[in-house]
Amino acid sequence: MYIESVELKNFRNYQDLHMDFHKGTNVLYGDNAQGKTNVLESLYLCGTTKSHKGSKDREMIRFGEEEAHIKLQVKKQDVSYRIDMHLKKNKSKGVAVNGIPIHKASELFGILHVVFFSPEDLNLIKEGPAARRRFIDLELCQLNRLYVHSLIQYNKVVLQRNKLLKDLVFRPQEEETLDVWDMQLARYGKEVVKYRREFVRELNTLIADIHKNLSGGLETLEIQYEPNVDEDAFEQELVRSRAQDIKQKTTLTGPHRDDLSFLINGVDIRKFGSQGQQRTAALSLKLSEIDLVKRVSGEEPVLLLDDVLSELDGSRQNQLLSVIRRTQTIVTCTGLDDFLSHHFQIDKIFRVVKGTLVEEHEY
């Protein structure tokens, strides 16, 4: 699987852009705030329908314009796919695959598998639970369409239930309708928990060896899934917490409050790990994510690296660069020193200056 080309029109700071990619390593370099990350964002958007930053569609449209367009060509098992994405300021985005409009995000998932890695990801372990839940959701949605359906339905129920909880102040007689929402919440919430538990179990079969190599054999890393509520106790917990839910006007039970813990040699490094341990564990997590995509889909994902090499020391750079050698990679950086110092093969290089790209043939 690899990306052949991308065309951008009025996306972020690009008025018109066409790029042809190599199957190997593609480097976009230049000063900060020139538009390097915007290219990666467009690629990630075409694989997941979402911005890796969590940006809204209207925020990705070039200033002064009403619409933006992305056209992506993907080659997968010798079959070509064209993904067209149409962003609008005040309407939902339009998406088409090979010219045929799709109406559900799940219809897009699986065509292009991407793994995005940025310096912010190195702080995943020390950030709050929301960041770790987002990591699970972004990856699982690419790998499991059933999870996409369950998560979307669950989030809709949480919103509706929370709205009812707020309205009970004015219409207390509607409290009995919480039973209906609780049934739906438990139904979809159990599915979300089940798929997340399986996902973490799969990651653990990969991450232990990866982290042991990164730490020179000194550390054993294990991810623990911390569900807010177990599947078997979901209904009982909703009943138990109802009075508190009504008091706080929000739903306090369910997978929207899940978390992950990371144990090195049995110690929770969210609380007791050094910054170095946390960053190494985050790198291990990303590397295991790449292997998991390959295991599930049967293909190497496209790796998007956003200026992350400069954040790693030499040994960790080596570990990451060894992965780059086997998958298509599109990487941004401010300079080429990190690659040149490792005598690393660059297949295509672009210099980015204020929303324009120039392909360079010598470096």
Foldseek 3Di string as FASTA:
>chain_A
DDWQKKWKDQFALAHTDIDGADFAEEEEAADPPQCQVSVVQLVLCQQQVAGPVRDDLLNGGHPPDFKMKMWIWDADPNDIKIWIWIGGNPDDIWIDIPNHTDDDSLVRALRAFEFEAEQVLLCQLQDDFQSQVVVLVRLVSNQDVVLVVLVVQLVVLQVVQLVVLVCCVVVVVCPVCVVVSLVSNLVSLQVNVVSSVVVLVQLLVQLQVLLCVLVVNPKGKHKDKFAQDHSVCSSVVCVVCVVVCSVVSGDPHGRSPIGMFMAIVHHGCSPPNDSVVSSSSSLSSSVSSQVVCCVRSVDGHEYEYEQCLVVDDDSSNVSVLVVSRVGHYYYYHHDCVSCVVVVHDHDWYWYGGNNDIDTDDDD
